[in-house]
Amino acid sequence: MKPVTFSREETKAMVAEIQEYFQEELDQDIGSIPAEMLMRFFGERMGAHFYNRGLYDAQALVGKKMDSLTDEVLALEQPTRHLR
């Protein structure tokens, strides 16, 4: 799997989220460099777990849609004397 990369703007936004979390939940200030290091750590070590969960969820959704589509196509079938 190729590594996930983020634009500088995306990275800045995530770093700000981490800093805000540390301030609100832990009452601690964290600098932008440690926050970015933490973001990269979680991305490298935990990112695949979140990525895979997204794939599993997408696969389940596509499966449900395909089942629904199959039902809709079969509903169009015209009656005949012959069995398929």
PDB file of N, CA and C in Angstrom:
ATOM      1  N   MET A   1       0.852  -1.176   0.000  1.00  0.00           N
ATOM      2  CA  MET A   1       0.000   0.000   0.000  1.00  0.00           C
ATOM      3  C   MET A   1       0.890   1.228   0.000  1.00  0.00           C
ATOM      4  N   LYS A   2       0.600   2.144  -0.895  1.00  0.00           N
ATOM      5  CA  LYS A   2       1.390   3.362  -0.924  1.00  0.00           C
ATOM      6  C   LYS A   2       0.987   4.267   0.235  1.00  0.00           C
ATOM      7  N   PRO A   3       1.927   5.017   0.772  1.00  0.00           N
ATOM      8  CA  PRO A   3       1.609   5.877   1.913  1.00  0.00           C
ATOM      9  C   PRO A   3       0.627   6.980   1.540  1.00  0.00           C
ATOM     10  N   VAL A   4      -0.226   7.294   2.488  1.00  0.00           N
ATOM     11  CA  VAL A   4      -1.195   8.371   2.304  1.00  0.00           C
ATOM     12  C   VAL A   4      -0.473   9.693   2.518  1.00  0.00           C
ATOM     13  N   THR A   5      -0.694  10.616   1.623  1.00  0.00           N
ATOM     14  CA  THR A   5      -0.082  11.934   1.770  1.00  0.00           C
ATOM     15  C   THR A   5      -1.186  12.982   1.827  1.00  0.00           C
ATOM     16  N   PHE A   6      -0.883  14.057   2.531  1.00  0.00           N
ATOM     17  CA  PHE A   6      -1.827  15.141   2.686  1.00  0.00           C
ATOM     18  C   PHE A   6      -1.180  16.431   2.210  1.00  0.00           C
ATOM     19  N   SER A   7      -2.008  17.324   1.710  1.00  0.00           N
ATOM     20  CA  SER A   7      -1.491  18.635   1.317  1.00  0.00           C
ATOM     21  C   SER A   7      -1.059  19.383   2.571  1.00  0.00           C
ATOM     22  N   ARG A   8      -0.322  20.437   2.372  1.00  0.00           N
ATOM     23  CA  ARG A   8       0.124  21.241   3.518  1.00  0.00           C
ATOM     24  C   ARG A   8      -1.088  21.804   4.268  1.00  0.00           C
ATOM     25  N   GLU A   9      -2.112  22.214   3.531  1.00  0.00           N
ATOM     26  CA  GLU A   9      -3.317  22.755   4.161  1.00  0.00           C
ATOM     27  C   GLU A   9      -4.033  21.696   4.995  1.00  0.00           C
ATOM     28  N   GLU A  10      -4.126  20.482   4.467  1.00  0.00           N
ATOM     29  CA  GLU A  10      -4.751  19.394   5.214  1.00  0.00           C
ATOM     30  C   GLU A  10      -3.958  19.076   6.480  1.00  0.00           C
ATOM     31  N   THR A  11      -2.638  19.034   6.337  1.00  0.00           N
ATOM     32  CA  THR A  11      -1.772  18.775   7.493  1.00  0.00           C
ATOM     33  C   THR A  11      -1.954  19.851   8.550  1.00  0.00           C
ATOM     34  N   LYS A  12      -1.969  21.104   8.123  1.00  0.00           N
ATOM     35  CA  LYS A  12      -2.159  22.197   9.082  1.00  0.00           C
ATOM     36  C   LYS A  12      -3.485  22.072   9.810  1.00  0.00           C
ATOM     37  N   ALA A  13      -4.536  21.695   9.090  1.00  0.00           N
ATOM     38  CA  ALA A  13      -5.850  21.542   9.702  1.00  0.00           C
ATOM     39  C   ALA A  13      -5.846  20.414  10.733  1.00  0.00           C
ATOM     40  N   MET A  14      -5.209  19.304  10.408  1.00  0.00           N
ATOM     41  CA  MET A  14      -5.149  18.184  11.349  1.00  0.00           C
ATOM     42  C   MET A  14      -4.300  18.525  12.565  1.00  0.00           C
ATOM     43  N   VAL A  15      -3.205  19.214  12.342  1.00  0.00           N
ATOM     44  CA  VAL A  15      -2.355  19.653  13.451  1.00  0.00           C
ATOM     45  C   VAL A  15      -3.149  20.560  14.379  1.00  0.00           C
ATOM     46  N   ALA A  16      -3.930  21.456  13.816  1.00  0.00           N
ATOM     47  CA  ALA A  16      -4.757  22.345  14.627  1.00  0.00           C
ATOM     48  C   ALA A  16      -5.779  21.551  15.437  1.00  0.00           C
ATOM     49  N   GLU A  17      -6.357  20.512  14.839  1.00  0.00           N
ATOM     50  CA  GLU A  17      -7.308  19.662  15.555  1.00  0.00           C
ATOM     51  C   GLU A  17      -6.634  18.973  16.739  1.00  0.00           C
ATOM     52  N   ILE A  18      -5.423  18.476  16.534  1.00  0.00           N
ATOM     53  CA  ILE A  18      -4.682  17.816  17.610  1.00  0.00           C
ATOM     54  C   ILE A  18      -4.374  18.810  18.720  1.00  0.00           C
ATOM     55  N   GLN A  19      -3.935  19.990  18.338  1.00  0.00           N
ATOM     56  CA  GLN A  19      -3.628  21.017  19.334  1.00  0.00           C
ATOM     57  C   GLN A  19      -4.881  21.388  20.132  1.00  0.00           C
ATOM     58  N   GLU A  20      -5.993  21.522  19.444  1.00  0.00           N
ATOM     59  CA  GLU A  20      -7.249  21.858  20.105  1.00  0.00           C
ATOM     60  C   GLU A  20      -7.665  20.744  21.063  1.00  0.00           C
ATOM     61  N   TYR A  21      -7.523  19.493  20.628  1.00  0.00           N
ATOM     62  CA  TYR A  21      -7.860  18.365  21.485  1.00  0.00           C
ATOM     63  C   TYR A  21      -7.017  18.382  22.761  1.00  0.00           C
ATOM     64  N   PHE A  22      -5.709  18.554  22.602  1.00  0.00           N
ATOM     65  CA  PHE A  22      -4.826  18.576  23.766  1.00  0.00           C
ATOM     66  C   PHE A  22      -5.213  19.702  24.723  1.00  0.00           C
ATOM     67  N   GLN A  23      -5.572  20.840  24.178  1.00  0.00           N
ATOM     68  CA  GLN A  23      -5.938  21.973  25.023  1.00  0.00           C
ATOM     69  C   GLN A  23      -7.265  21.718  25.743  1.00  0.00           C
ATOM     70  N   GLU A  24      -8.269  21.277  25.007  1.00  0.00           N
ATOM     71  CA  GLU A  24      -9.603  21.101  25.584  1.00  0.00           C
ATOM     72  C   GLU A  24      -9.714  19.882  26.497  1.00  0.00           C
ATOM     73  N   GLU A  25      -9.139  18.771  26.092  1.00  0.00           N
ATOM     74  CA  GLU A  25      -9.315  17.528  26.836  1.00  0.00           C
ATOM     75  C   GLU A  25      -8.244  17.291  27.893  1.00  0.00           C
ATOM     76  N   LEU A  26      -7.034  17.764  27.624  1.00  0.00           N
ATOM     77  CA  LEU A  26      -5.928  17.483  28.533  1.00  0.00           C
ATOM     78  C   LEU A  26      -5.386  18.734  29.218  1.00  0.00           C
ATOM     79  N   ASP A  27      -5.929  19.879  28.833  1.00  0.00           N
ATOM     80  CA  ASP A  27      -5.477  21.160  29.377  1.00  0.00           C
ATOM     81  C   ASP A  27      -3.957  21.320  29.231  1.00  0.00           C
ATOM     82  N   GLN A  28      -3.470  20.933  28.039  1.00  0.00           N
ATOM     83  CA  GLN A  28      -2.033  21.023  27.745  1.00  0.00           C
ATOM     84  C   GLN A  28      -1.845  21.682  26.386  1.00  0.00           C
ATOM     85  N   ASP A  29      -0.824  22.500  26.333  1.00  0.00           N
ATOM     86  CA  ASP A  29      -0.442  23.078  25.050  1.00  0.00           C
ATOM     87  C   ASP A  29       0.534  22.127  24.373  1.00  0.00           C
ATOM     88  N   ILE A  30       0.367  21.964  23.087  1.00  0.00           N
ATOM     89  CA  ILE A  30       1.283  21.134  22.306  1.00  0.00           C
ATOM     90  C   ILE A  30       1.670  21.950  21.077  1.00  0.00           C
ATOM     91  N   GLY A  31       2.928  21.992  20.786  1.00  0.00           N
ATOM     92  CA  GLY A  31       3.413  22.762  19.645  1.00  0.00           C
ATOM     93  C   GLY A  31       3.052  22.101  18.326  1.00  0.00           C
ATOM     94  N   SER A  32       3.215  22.840  17.258  1.00  0.00           N
ATOM     95  CA  SER A  32       2.833  22.309  15.946  1.00  0.00           C
ATOM     96  C   SER A  32       3.740  21.161  15.507  1.00  0.00           C
ATOM     97  N   ILE A  33       5.016  21.209  15.849  1.00  0.00           N
ATOM     98  CA  ILE A  33       5.919  20.119  15.443  1.00  0.00           C
ATOM     99  C   ILE A  33       5.562  18.823  16.171  1.00  0.00           C
ATOM    100  N   PRO A  34       5.412  18.831  17.522  1.00  0.00           N
ATOM    101  CA  PRO A  34       4.980  17.582  18.176  1.00  0.00           C
ATOM    102  C   PRO A  34       3.605  17.114  17.707  1.00  0.00           C
ATOM    103  N   ALA A  35       2.693  18.033  17.442  1.00  0.00           N
ATOM    104  CA  ALA A  35       1.359  17.649  16.965  1.00  0.00           C
ATOM    105  C   ALA A  35       1.455  16.980  15.602  1.00  0.00           C
ATOM    106  N   GLU A  36       2.306  17.506  14.732  1.00  0.00           N
ATOM    107  CA  GLU A  36       2.473  16.892  13.412  1.00  0.00           C
ATOM    108  C   GLU A  36       3.154  15.532  13.532  1.00  0.00           C
ATOM    109  N   MET A  37       4.100  15.414  14.446  1.00  0.00           N
ATOM    110  CA  MET A  37       4.753  14.117  14.671  1.00  0.00           C
ATOM    111  C   MET A  37       3.731  13.090  15.168  1.00  0.00           C
ATOM    112  N   LEU A  38       2.851  13.516  16.050  1.00  0.00           N
ATOM    113  CA  LEU A  38       1.809  12.627  16.559  1.00  0.00           C
ATOM    114  C   LEU A  38       0.861  12.221  15.432  1.00  0.00           C
ATOM    115  N   MET A  39       0.487  13.179  14.600  1.00  0.00           N
ATOM    116  CA  MET A  39      -0.378  12.892  13.461  1.00  0.00           C
ATOM    117  C   MET A  39       0.284  11.862  12.545  1.00  0.00           C
ATOM    118  N   ARG A  40       1.543  12.057  12.243  1.00  0.00           N
ATOM    119  CA  ARG A  40       2.260  11.125  11.358  1.00  0.00           C
ATOM    120  C   ARG A  40       2.406   9.746  12.008  1.00  0.00           C
ATOM    121  N   PHE A  41       2.659   9.731  13.309  1.00  0.00           N
ATOM    122  CA  PHE A  41       2.758   8.457  14.026  1.00  0.00           C
ATOM    123  C   PHE A  41       1.458   7.665  13.888  1.00  0.00           C
ATOM    124  N   PHE A  42       0.329   8.308  14.181  1.00  0.00           N
ATOM    125  CA  PHE A  42      -0.949   7.612  14.076  1.00  0.00           C
ATOM    126  C   PHE A  42      -1.245   7.221  12.634  1.00  0.00           C
ATOM    127  N   GLY A  43      -0.901   8.072  11.702  1.00  0.00           N
ATOM    128  CA  GLY A  43      -1.119   7.730  10.302  1.00  0.00           C
ATOM    129  C   GLY A  43      -0.334   6.509   9.885  1.00  0.00           C
ATOM    130  N   GLU A  44       0.931   6.437  10.305  1.00  0.00           N
ATOM    131  CA  GLU A  44       1.788   5.318   9.920  1.00  0.00           C
ATOM    132  C   GLU A  44       1.427   4.038  10.657  1.00  0.00           C
ATOM    133  N   ARG A  45       1.095   4.149  11.938  1.00  0.00           N
ATOM    134  CA  ARG A  45       0.850   2.957  12.758  1.00  0.00           C
ATOM    135  C   ARG A  45      -0.604   2.515  12.783  1.00  0.00           C
ATOM    136  N   MET A  46      -1.537   3.462  12.724  1.00  0.00           N
ATOM    137  CA  MET A  46      -2.951   3.135  12.861  1.00  0.00           C
ATOM    138  C   MET A  46      -3.744   3.374  11.585  1.00  0.00           C
ATOM    139  N   GLY A  47      -3.175   4.111  10.651  1.00  0.00           N
ATOM    140  CA  GLY A  47      -3.894   4.496   9.445  1.00  0.00           C
ATOM    141  C   GLY A  47      -4.467   3.330   8.669  1.00  0.00           C
ATOM    142  N   ALA A  48      -3.710   2.235   8.571  1.00  0.00           N
ATOM    143  CA  ALA A  48      -4.185   1.075   7.807  1.00  0.00           C
ATOM    144  C   ALA A  48      -5.454   0.497   8.419  1.00  0.00           C
ATOM    145  N   HIS A  49      -5.575   0.538   9.742  1.00  0.00           N
ATOM    146  CA  HIS A  49      -6.781   0.023  10.396  1.00  0.00           C
ATOM    147  C   HIS A  49      -8.009   0.842   9.991  1.00  0.00           C
ATOM    148  N   PHE A  50      -7.866   2.169  10.009  1.00  0.00           N
ATOM    149  CA  PHE A  50      -8.979   3.037   9.620  1.00  0.00           C
ATOM    150  C   PHE A  50      -9.277   2.888   8.131  1.00  0.00           C
ATOM    151  N   TYR A  51      -8.227   2.804   7.332  1.00  0.00           N
ATOM    152  CA  TYR A  51      -8.377   2.645   5.887  1.00  0.00           C
ATOM    153  C   TYR A  51      -9.130   1.351   5.574  1.00  0.00           C
ATOM    154  N   ASN A  52      -8.710   0.249   6.208  1.00  0.00           N
ATOM    155  CA  ASN A  52      -9.366  -1.032   5.972  1.00  0.00           C
ATOM    156  C   ASN A  52     -10.821  -1.008   6.417  1.00  0.00           C
ATOM    157  N   ARG A  53     -11.104  -0.359   7.541  1.00  0.00           N
ATOM    158  CA  ARG A  53     -12.492  -0.257   8.002  1.00  0.00           C
ATOM    159  C   ARG A  53     -13.329   0.465   6.947  1.00  0.00           C
ATOM    160  N   GLY A  54     -12.782   1.518   6.367  1.00  0.00           N
ATOM    161  CA  GLY A  54     -13.484   2.237   5.309  1.00  0.00           C
ATOM    162  C   GLY A  54     -13.747   1.339   4.101  1.00  0.00           C
ATOM    163  N   LEU A  55     -12.755   0.514   3.752  1.00  0.00           N
ATOM    164  CA  LEU A  55     -12.949  -0.418   2.635  1.00  0.00           C
ATOM    165  C   LEU A  55     -14.039  -1.434   2.945  1.00  0.00           C
ATOM    166  N   TYR A  56     -14.033  -1.972   4.171  1.00  0.00           N
ATOM    167  CA  TYR A  56     -15.050  -2.957   4.540  1.00  0.00           C
ATOM    168  C   TYR A  56     -16.441  -2.330   4.500  1.00  0.00           C
ATOM    169  N   ASP A  57     -16.544  -1.111   5.006  1.00  0.00           N
ATOM    170  CA  ASP A  57     -17.836  -0.418   4.991  1.00  0.00           C
ATOM    171  C   ASP A  57     -18.294  -0.153   3.561  1.00  0.00           C
ATOM    172  N   ALA A  58     -17.366   0.260   2.707  1.00  0.00           N
ATOM    173  CA  ALA A  58     -17.707   0.518   1.305  1.00  0.00           C
ATOM    174  C   ALA A  58     -18.120  -0.775   0.611  1.00  0.00           C
ATOM    175  N   GLN A  59     -17.403  -1.850   0.902  1.00  0.00           N
ATOM    176  CA  GLN A  59     -17.737  -3.138   0.300  1.00  0.00           C
ATOM    177  C   GLN A  59     -19.133  -3.587   0.715  1.00  0.00           C
ATOM    178  N   ALA A  60     -19.481  -3.420   1.976  1.00  0.00           N
ATOM    179  CA  ALA A  60     -20.819  -3.793   2.454  1.00  0.00           C
ATOM    180  C   ALA A  60     -21.889  -2.948   1.770  1.00  0.00           C
ATOM    181  N   LEU A  61     -21.636  -1.655   1.628  1.00  0.00           N
ATOM    182  CA  LEU A  61     -22.594  -0.768   0.971  1.00  0.00           C
ATOM    183  C   LEU A  61     -22.795  -1.160  -0.486  1.00  0.00           C
ATOM    184  N   VAL A  62     -21.707  -1.419  -1.194  1.00  0.00           N
ATOM    185  CA  VAL A  62     -21.807  -1.815  -2.601  1.00  0.00           C
ATOM    186  C   VAL A  62     -22.566  -3.139  -2.710  1.00  0.00           C
ATOM    187  N   GLY A  63     -22.305  -4.059  -1.785  1.00  0.00           N
ATOM    188  CA  GLY A  63     -23.026  -5.339  -1.794  1.00  0.00           C
ATOM    189  C   GLY A  63     -24.519  -5.148  -1.629  1.00  0.00           C
ATOM    190  N   LYS A  64     -24.914  -4.280  -0.699  1.00  0.00           N
ATOM    191  CA  LYS A  64     -26.346  -4.009  -0.492  1.00  0.00           C
ATOM    192  C   LYS A  64     -26.964  -3.377  -1.729  1.00  0.00           C
ATOM    193  N   LYS A  65     -26.242  -2.431  -2.332  1.00  0.00           N
ATOM    194  CA  LYS A  65     -26.761  -1.769  -3.532  1.00  0.00           C
ATOM    195  C   LYS A  65     -26.898  -2.773  -4.676  1.00  0.00           C
ATOM    196  N   MET A  66     -25.927  -3.675  -4.808  1.00  0.00           N
ATOM    197  CA  MET A  66     -25.991  -4.677  -5.881  1.00  0.00           C
ATOM    198  C   MET A  66     -27.170  -5.623  -5.663  1.00  0.00           C
ATOM    199  N   ASP A  67     -27.400  -6.012  -4.399  1.00  0.00           N
ATOM    200  CA  ASP A  67     -28.556  -6.868  -4.111  1.00  0.00           C
ATOM    201  C   ASP A  67     -29.847  -6.158  -4.485  1.00  0.00           C
ATOM    202  N   SER A  68     -29.935  -4.897  -4.138  1.00  0.00           N
ATOM    203  CA  SER A  68     -31.124  -4.109  -4.457  1.00  0.00           C
ATOM    204  C   SER A  68     -31.292  -3.979  -5.967  1.00  0.00           C
ATOM    205  N   LEU A  69     -30.199  -3.720  -6.662  1.00  0.00           N
ATOM    206  CA  LEU A  69     -30.244  -3.580  -8.116  1.00  0.00           C
ATOM    207  C   LEU A  69     -30.661  -4.895  -8.768  1.00  0.00           C
ATOM    208  N   THR A  70     -30.137  -6.003  -8.269  1.00  0.00           N
ATOM    209  CA  THR A  70     -30.517  -7.308  -8.795  1.00  0.00           C
ATOM    210  C   THR A  70     -32.013  -7.540  -8.625  1.00  0.00           C
ATOM    211  N   ASP A  71     -32.539  -7.197  -7.438  1.00  0.00           N
ATOM    212  CA  ASP A  71     -33.976  -7.342  -7.194  1.00  0.00           C
ATOM    213  C   ASP A  71     -34.784  -6.483  -8.157  1.00  0.00           C
ATOM    214  N   GLU A  72     -34.330  -5.266  -8.400  1.00  0.00           N
ATOM    215  CA  GLU A  72     -35.048  -4.367  -9.306  1.00  0.00           C
ATOM    216  C   GLU A  72     -35.028  -4.887 -10.739  1.00  0.00           C
ATOM    217  N   VAL A  73     -33.900  -5.437 -11.163  1.00  0.00           N
ATOM    218  CA  VAL A  73     -33.811  -5.987 -12.517  1.00  0.00           C
ATOM    219  C   VAL A  73     -34.733  -7.204 -12.636  1.00  0.00           C
ATOM    220  N   LEU A  74     -34.714  -8.070 -11.641  1.00  0.00           N
ATOM    221  CA  LEU A  74     -35.579  -9.259 -11.688  1.00  0.00           C
ATOM    222  C   LEU A  74     -37.058  -8.877 -11.658  1.00  0.00           C
ATOM    223  N   ALA A  75     -37.392  -7.771 -11.041  1.00  0.00           N
ATOM    224  CA  ALA A  75     -38.784  -7.309 -10.998  1.00  0.00           C
ATOM    225  C   ALA A  75     -39.279  -6.912 -12.386  1.00  0.00           C
ATOM    226  N   LEU A  76     -38.390  -6.650 -13.303  1.00  0.00           N
ATOM    227  CA  LEU A  76     -38.760  -6.281 -14.669  1.00  0.00           C
ATOM    228  C   LEU A  76     -39.087  -7.502 -15.537  1.00  0.00           C
ATOM    229  N   GLU A  77     -38.778  -8.663 -15.033  1.00  0.00           N
ATOM    230  CA  GLU A  77     -38.986  -9.889 -15.801  1.00  0.00           C
ATOM    231  C   GLU A  77     -40.472 -10.056 -16.155  1.00  0.00           C
ATOM    232  N   GLN A  78     -40.699 -10.431 -17.409  1.00  0.00           N
ATOM    233  CA  GLN A  78     -42.058 -10.669 -17.907  1.00  0.00           C
ATOM    234  C   GLN A  78     -42.402 -12.146 -17.725  1.00  0.00           C
ATOM    235  N   PRO A  79     -43.657 -12.430 -17.398  1.00  0.00           N
ATOM    236  CA  PRO A  79     -44.035 -13.835 -17.217  1.00  0.00           C
ATOM    237  C   PRO A  79     -44.011 -14.603 -18.546  1.00  0.00           C
ATOM    238  N   THR A  80     -43.532 -15.798 -18.487  1.00  0.00           N
ATOM    239  CA  THR A  80     -43.535 -16.704 -19.642  1.00  0.00           C
ATOM    240  C   THR A  80     -43.873 -18.104 -19.152  1.00  0.00           C
ATOM    241  N   ARG A  81     -44.077 -18.990 -20.103  1.00  0.00           N
ATOM    242  CA  ARG A  81     -44.372 -20.380 -19.735  1.00  0.00           C
ATOM    243  C   ARG A  81     -43.090 -21.161 -19.459  1.00  0.00           C
ATOM    244  N   HIS A  82     -41.986 -20.598 -19.856  1.00  0.00           N
ATOM    245  CA  HIS A  82     -40.714 -21.294 -19.707  1.00  0.00           C
ATOM    246  C   HIS A  82     -40.002 -20.849 -18.445  1.00  0.00           C
ATOM    247  N   LEU A  83     -39.395 -21.796 -17.808  1.00  0.00           N
ATOM    248  CA  LEU A  83     -38.574 -21.460 -16.644  1.00  0.00           C
ATOM    249  C   LEU A  83     -37.184 -21.074 -17.121  1.00  0.00           C
ATOM    250  N   ARG A  84     -36.552 -20.237 -16.418  1.00  0.00           N
ATOM    251  CA  ARG A  84     -35.193 -19.897 -16.839  1.00  0.00           C
ATOM    252  C   ARG A  84     -34.210 -20.905 -16.349  1.00  0.00           C
TER     253      ARG A  84
END
